[in-house]
């Protein structure tokens, strides 16, 4: 009986060894002597009559533990390969989703120049979803994090997470490379870092359906079914994903010729073309030279993306919609005949400044404040299409005029008109120096800024 038992075990180990080889796994130690077999059977408590009986009927005790381990090892190998190939499904173990989220967070922390792309509210909520998927098993926190991300994206003008990322790349706020291009300075040493950042941001451009699917798997919430994933991915389906294009396709930068001064910001239609161009590249870094042309032509940050700005809280910001163009006809009917000469004189001065010719700071007084407001804005709105940047300054912000001067000095190729409305000087009609009107600062406005 004992000899039969050992023979059965030897046969079992031999067959299993072949199975392990078929799976491509490591060598499994084999039983080499009956003495060793006997010691292992005694240590495992398998010397009882019931165990011997089972062994004599086919060796099921010897097969079962090893075969089970083999199946588990094979399953782990297959699942690991499945995740490494980039596929995710409900059969993918949770640890692989966490590993992918952890890698994406590491990618986000590795940015060298484009950090500001991930500093907005939408991007921060996206990173919070990754953190929730990576660090917690609480389904409430995972679902809530995705809900905040979805809400912030839905409340914006962006059609998808991809759309948001590409738009922030075009704006490039607080980016040393983009600012150097805007100034016309050489920045060859930053090109490699910018190229790495663009490819990193491409890896972060997950589809909403992928992220929602991860949330569904990790949360374990039965209410998050296929219909929920579809609803949570709706934003990503409102626009077609860019398709890869060849390097021979024409870039939007082909029609751009950087001039002496910054051109007007690109339109919404042109911005959509830029997003399609960059998003359609096999590697986003392939569009770096085109982006540099954009920064050099139109500028970067808030100055490069807006014609009308407001000085608020010690910083330049995008102004509320500047709808004076829509009201020009009505305003001209109301005031044009009374102030036609004044308007022409103001526009001539603004136009000279826009072209880099000699221009003068202007103090305008009229019997009615509304008349002065119209004249000031009407004289500047004509120059917006030519690259003029209008900066609206409220009287309450004049104490920070020194900081405004320093900020404008960082954009030497932009042509600014600083509009201070509702100013009442002590002596009406007096030709006050710009420095006094700007809150008494001794720092003069740079030559590319007109008050």
Foldseek 3Di string as FASTA:
>chain_A
DLVLLVVLLQVLVVVLQVVCVVLVHDGDDHDDDSVVVVVVCVVVVQPDPVNVVVSNVRHPVSNPVSVVVVVVVSLVVVLVVCVVVPDDDLPRDLVSLLVLLVVLVVLLVPQDFQVVLQVDPLNVLLNQLSCCSNPDLALVSNVVSLVSNLVVCVPDPALFLLRSSLLSLLQRPRGVLLLCLQVVHDDVVCLVSVLSNQQSVLSVRDQQLVSLNSSCSSSVDPVSDPVVSCVSRVSSPPDDQQAADDPPDDAPLVPFDADLFAAFADDPVVSVSNSSVQRNHPGSSVCSVSSSSLSNRQNHHPRSHAQEWECDPLDTDHDPDPCVVVCVVVVCVVCVVVCVVVLVVLLVLLVCLLVVHDHAADDDDDPDLVNVVNSVCSSCVVCNNGQEHEYEYEPVCLVSLVSVLVVVVSRVRHQYEYDYGDDDDPDPPDPDDPCVSSPNDPDDHPSSYHD
